[in-house]
Amino acid sequence: MKTIMVLLLLLLGIVPAHGAPGCDPPDCPDVVDALDGPVHESTGLYAAVLKSRNGAVKQNVEVSYKFVDGTAKQGEDYRAEQSGTVTIKAGQDHAEVPYTVLRVGADKKQFTLQITRVKPGQIGKSVAVFTIGGKR
């Protein structure tokens, strides 16, 4: 039964708090989470944070990502490199992906960043939500 549950969690992309099931820290793989951003009420340069759930990594960890439009549109409401890879360097616990908010209005608009690969390691919380403006 435990094997079935582990397989189900892996298929759904859900990873336990300390990484892979059945491992004991510090031998667990690095698990990287995409952190939700704040509500942006002004234009400017910001950074999405991709954070190691296990704290500082022991070796460089490459994290691939892509931005996905929601009600906020790339080039109109925000600007970012559509997809890419950043590195959480050994001894660090996070990496940042820059983006710029171009326009803030009265209506709330959202876009997301999705982690597509972690090497070496595992994807934890795969999607971060970013909100622009919104008094309504």
C-alpha atoms as a PDB file:
ATOM      1  CA  MET A   1       0.000   0.000   0.000  1.00  0.00           C
ATOM      2  CA  LYS A   2       2.856   2.406   0.833  1.00  0.00           C
ATOM      3  CA  THR A   3       4.349   1.821  -2.627  1.00  0.00           C
ATOM      4  CA  ILE A   4       1.036   2.680  -4.291  1.00  0.00           C
ATOM      5  CA  MET A   5       0.742   5.899  -2.270  1.00  0.00           C
ATOM      6  CA  VAL A   6       4.312   6.905  -3.138  1.00  0.00           C
ATOM      7  CA  LEU A   7       3.682   6.275  -6.835  1.00  0.00           C
ATOM      8  CA  LEU A   8       0.448   8.258  -6.679  1.00  0.00           C
ATOM      9  CA  LEU A   9       2.206  11.200  -5.007  1.00  0.00           C
ATOM     10  CA  LEU A  10       4.966  11.134  -7.613  1.00  0.00           C
ATOM     11  CA  LEU A  11       2.462  10.977 -10.488  1.00  0.00           C
ATOM     12  CA  LEU A  12       0.568  13.942  -9.082  1.00  0.00           C
ATOM     13  CA  GLY A  13       3.791  15.882  -8.609  1.00  0.00           C
ATOM     14  CA  ILE A  14       3.336  16.065  -4.845  1.00  0.00           C
ATOM     15  CA  VAL A  15       6.568  15.659  -2.913  1.00  0.00           C
ATOM     16  CA  PRO A  16       6.707  15.212   0.867  1.00  0.00           C
ATOM     17  CA  ALA A  17       8.212  18.016   2.969  1.00  0.00           C
ATOM     18  CA  HIS A  18      11.718  16.515   3.128  1.00  0.00           C
ATOM     19  CA  GLY A  19      11.926  15.402  -0.513  1.00  0.00           C
ATOM     20  CA  ALA A  20      11.580  11.833  -1.658  1.00  0.00           C
ATOM     21  CA  PRO A  21       9.755   9.330   0.535  1.00  0.00           C
ATOM     22  CA  GLY A  22      11.941   7.012   2.550  1.00  0.00           C
ATOM     23  CA  CYS A  23      15.013   9.257   2.655  1.00  0.00           C
ATOM     24  CA  ASP A  24      16.602  10.719   5.739  1.00  0.00           C
ATOM     25  CA  PRO A  25      17.979  14.286   5.684  1.00  0.00           C
ATOM     26  CA  PRO A  26      20.599  15.262   4.626  1.00  0.00           C
ATOM     27  CA  ASP A  27      20.476  12.506   1.950  1.00  0.00           C
ATOM     28  CA  CYS A  28      17.185  13.708   0.482  1.00  0.00           C
ATOM     29  CA  PRO A  29      17.173  15.230  -3.015  1.00  0.00           C
ATOM     30  CA  ASP A  30      16.782  18.987  -3.289  1.00  0.00           C
ATOM     31  CA  VAL A  31      13.134  20.006  -3.711  1.00  0.00           C
ATOM     32  CA  VAL A  32      12.509  23.423  -5.295  1.00  0.00           C
ATOM     33  CA  ASP A  33       9.332  25.456  -4.760  1.00  0.00           C
ATOM     34  CA  ALA A  34       8.019  28.369  -6.826  1.00  0.00           C
ATOM     35  CA  LEU A  35       6.961  31.073  -4.344  1.00  0.00           C
ATOM     36  CA  ASP A  36       3.867  33.194  -5.026  1.00  0.00           C
ATOM     37  CA  GLY A  37       4.593  36.882  -5.558  1.00  0.00           C
ATOM     38  CA  PRO A  38       3.082  39.904  -3.821  1.00  0.00           C
ATOM     39  CA  VAL A  39       0.246  42.002  -5.265  1.00  0.00           C
ATOM     40  CA  HIS A  40       1.986  44.573  -7.456  1.00  0.00           C
ATOM     41  CA  GLU A  41       0.539  48.057  -7.113  1.00  0.00           C
ATOM     42  CA  SER A  42       3.202  49.850  -9.156  1.00  0.00           C
ATOM     43  CA  THR A  43       5.238  49.269 -12.287  1.00  0.00           C
ATOM     44  CA  GLY A  44       8.883  48.278 -12.056  1.00  0.00           C
ATOM     45  CA  LEU A  45      11.405  45.467 -11.925  1.00  0.00           C
ATOM     46  CA  TYR A  46      10.658  42.497  -9.635  1.00  0.00           C
ATOM     47  CA  ALA A  47      11.952  38.947  -9.168  1.00  0.00           C
ATOM     48  CA  ALA A  48      10.207  35.585  -8.890  1.00  0.00           C
ATOM     49  CA  VAL A  49      11.813  33.390  -6.215  1.00  0.00           C
ATOM     50  CA  LEU A  50      12.599  29.710  -6.711  1.00  0.00           C
ATOM     51  CA  LYS A  51      13.522  28.352  -3.272  1.00  0.00           C
ATOM     52  CA  SER A  52      15.071  25.119  -2.062  1.00  0.00           C
ATOM     53  CA  ARG A  53      12.767  23.481   0.456  1.00  0.00           C
ATOM     54  CA  ASN A  54      15.792  21.823   2.081  1.00  0.00           C
ATOM     55  CA  GLY A  55      17.710  25.063   2.780  1.00  0.00           C
ATOM     56  CA  ALA A  56      21.123  25.742   1.223  1.00  0.00           C
ATOM     57  CA  VAL A  57      21.961  23.287  -1.570  1.00  0.00           C
ATOM     58  CA  LYS A  58      25.207  21.293  -1.463  1.00  0.00           C
ATOM     59  CA  GLN A  59      25.778  21.487  -5.233  1.00  0.00           C
ATOM     60  CA  ASN A  60      24.533  23.735  -8.027  1.00  0.00           C
ATOM     61  CA  VAL A  61      20.894  23.008  -8.897  1.00  0.00           C
ATOM     62  CA  GLU A  62      19.529  24.077 -12.294  1.00  0.00           C
ATOM     63  CA  VAL A  63      15.864  25.087 -12.347  1.00  0.00           C
ATOM     64  CA  SER A  64      14.046  25.452 -15.676  1.00  0.00           C
ATOM     65  CA  TYR A  65      10.905  27.558 -15.819  1.00  0.00           C
ATOM     66  CA  LYS A  66       8.352  29.180 -18.092  1.00  0.00           C
ATOM     67  CA  PHE A  67       6.004  32.129 -17.664  1.00  0.00           C
ATOM     68  CA  VAL A  68       2.360  31.529 -18.553  1.00  0.00           C
ATOM     69  CA  ASP A  69      -0.163  34.269 -19.332  1.00  0.00           C
ATOM     70  CA  GLY A  70      -3.369  34.416 -17.383  1.00  0.00           C
ATOM     71  CA  THR A  71      -5.450  37.573 -17.451  1.00  0.00           C
ATOM     72  CA  ALA A  72      -2.131  39.492 -17.469  1.00  0.00           C
ATOM     73  CA  LYS A  73      -0.468  39.350 -20.872  1.00  0.00           C
ATOM     74  CA  GLN A  74       3.245  39.212 -21.727  1.00  0.00           C
ATOM     75  CA  GLY A  75       4.297  42.443 -23.452  1.00  0.00           C
ATOM     76  CA  GLU A  76       1.211  44.352 -22.308  1.00  0.00           C
ATOM     77  CA  ASP A  77       1.026  43.940 -18.541  1.00  0.00           C
ATOM     78  CA  TYR A  78       4.409  42.366 -17.760  1.00  0.00           C
ATOM     79  CA  ARG A  79       7.655  41.482 -19.520  1.00  0.00           C
ATOM     80  CA  ALA A  80       9.888  38.500 -18.781  1.00  0.00           C
ATOM     81  CA  GLU A  81      12.091  36.006 -20.560  1.00  0.00           C
ATOM     82  CA  GLN A  82       9.366  33.532 -21.593  1.00  0.00           C
ATOM     83  CA  SER A  83      11.373  30.502 -20.475  1.00  0.00           C
ATOM     84  CA  GLY A  84      14.850  29.750 -19.252  1.00  0.00           C
ATOM     85  CA  THR A  85      17.044  28.166 -16.624  1.00  0.00           C
ATOM     86  CA  VAL A  86      18.506  29.667 -13.450  1.00  0.00           C
ATOM     87  CA  THR A  87      20.957  28.121 -11.008  1.00  0.00           C
ATOM     88  CA  ILE A  88      20.682  27.863  -7.259  1.00  0.00           C
ATOM     89  CA  LYS A  89      24.392  27.969  -6.463  1.00  0.00           C
ATOM     90  CA  ALA A  90      25.972  25.652  -3.902  1.00  0.00           C
ATOM     91  CA  GLY A  91      25.618  27.194  -0.437  1.00  0.00           C
ATOM     92  CA  GLN A  92      22.571  29.284  -1.471  1.00  0.00           C
ATOM     93  CA  ASP A  93      18.892  28.483  -0.889  1.00  0.00           C
ATOM     94  CA  HIS A  94      17.209  30.266  -3.806  1.00  0.00           C
ATOM     95  CA  ALA A  95      17.493  31.779  -7.263  1.00  0.00           C
ATOM     96  CA  GLU A  96      15.574  34.695  -8.754  1.00  0.00           C
ATOM     97  CA  VAL A  97      13.937  35.194 -12.147  1.00  0.00           C
ATOM     98  CA  PRO A  98      13.518  38.873 -13.109  1.00  0.00           C
ATOM     99  CA  TYR A  99      10.318  40.283 -14.606  1.00  0.00           C
ATOM    100  CA  THR A 100       8.966  43.778 -15.129  1.00  0.00           C
ATOM    101  CA  VAL A 101       5.430  44.989 -14.416  1.00  0.00           C
ATOM    102  CA  LEU A 102       4.576  47.320 -17.308  1.00  0.00           C
ATOM    103  CA  ARG A 103       1.063  48.439 -16.443  1.00  0.00           C
ATOM    104  CA  VAL A 104      -1.140  48.501 -13.343  1.00  0.00           C
ATOM    105  CA  GLY A 105      -4.874  49.035 -13.594  1.00  0.00           C
ATOM    106  CA  ALA A 106      -7.957  48.919 -11.426  1.00  0.00           C
ATOM    107  CA  ASP A 107      -8.737  45.342 -12.480  1.00  0.00           C
ATOM    108  CA  LYS A 108      -6.757  42.509 -10.928  1.00  0.00           C
ATOM    109  CA  LYS A 109      -4.700  40.558 -13.494  1.00  0.00           C
ATOM    110  CA  GLN A 110      -2.597  37.454 -12.950  1.00  0.00           C
ATOM    111  CA  PHE A 111       0.156  35.431 -14.612  1.00  0.00           C
ATOM    112  CA  THR A 112       2.152  32.437 -13.426  1.00  0.00           C
ATOM    113  CA  LEU A 113       5.641  30.995 -13.428  1.00  0.00           C
ATOM    114  CA  GLN A 114       5.856  27.211 -13.773  1.00  0.00           C
ATOM    115  CA  ILE A 115       8.891  25.119 -12.842  1.00  0.00           C
ATOM    116  CA  THR A 116       9.455  22.608 -15.650  1.00  0.00           C
ATOM    117  CA  ARG A 117      12.613  20.823 -14.445  1.00  0.00           C
ATOM    118  CA  VAL A 118      14.989  20.635 -11.484  1.00  0.00           C
ATOM    119  CA  LYS A 119      18.393  19.032 -12.052  1.00  0.00           C
ATOM    120  CA  PRO A 120      19.541  17.462  -9.841  1.00  0.00           C
ATOM    121  CA  GLY A 121      16.495  17.394  -7.599  1.00  0.00           C
ATOM    122  CA  GLN A 122      12.729  17.434  -7.670  1.00  0.00           C
ATOM    123  CA  ILE A 123       9.935  19.892  -8.335  1.00  0.00           C
ATOM    124  CA  GLY A 124       7.975  20.784  -5.202  1.00  0.00           C
ATOM    125  CA  LYS A 125       5.342  23.532  -5.543  1.00  0.00           C
ATOM    126  CA  SER A 126       5.499  23.898  -9.311  1.00  0.00           C
ATOM    127  CA  VAL A 127       3.448  27.056  -9.940  1.00  0.00           C
ATOM    128  CA  ALA A 128       3.813  30.594  -8.554  1.00  0.00           C
ATOM    129  CA  VAL A 129       1.005  33.118  -9.046  1.00  0.00           C
ATOM    130  CA  PHE A 130       1.680  36.827  -9.581  1.00  0.00           C
ATOM    131  CA  THR A 131      -1.022  39.476  -9.285  1.00  0.00           C
ATOM    132  CA  ILE A 132      -0.935  42.965 -10.805  1.00  0.00           C
ATOM    133  CA  GLY A 133      -3.169  45.756  -9.453  1.00  0.00           C
ATOM    134  CA  GLY A 134      -6.744  45.126  -8.648  1.00  0.00           C
ATOM    135  CA  LYS A 135      -8.987  47.313  -6.596  1.00  0.00           C
ATOM    136  CA  ARG A 136     -11.877  45.317  -8.055  1.00  0.00           C
END
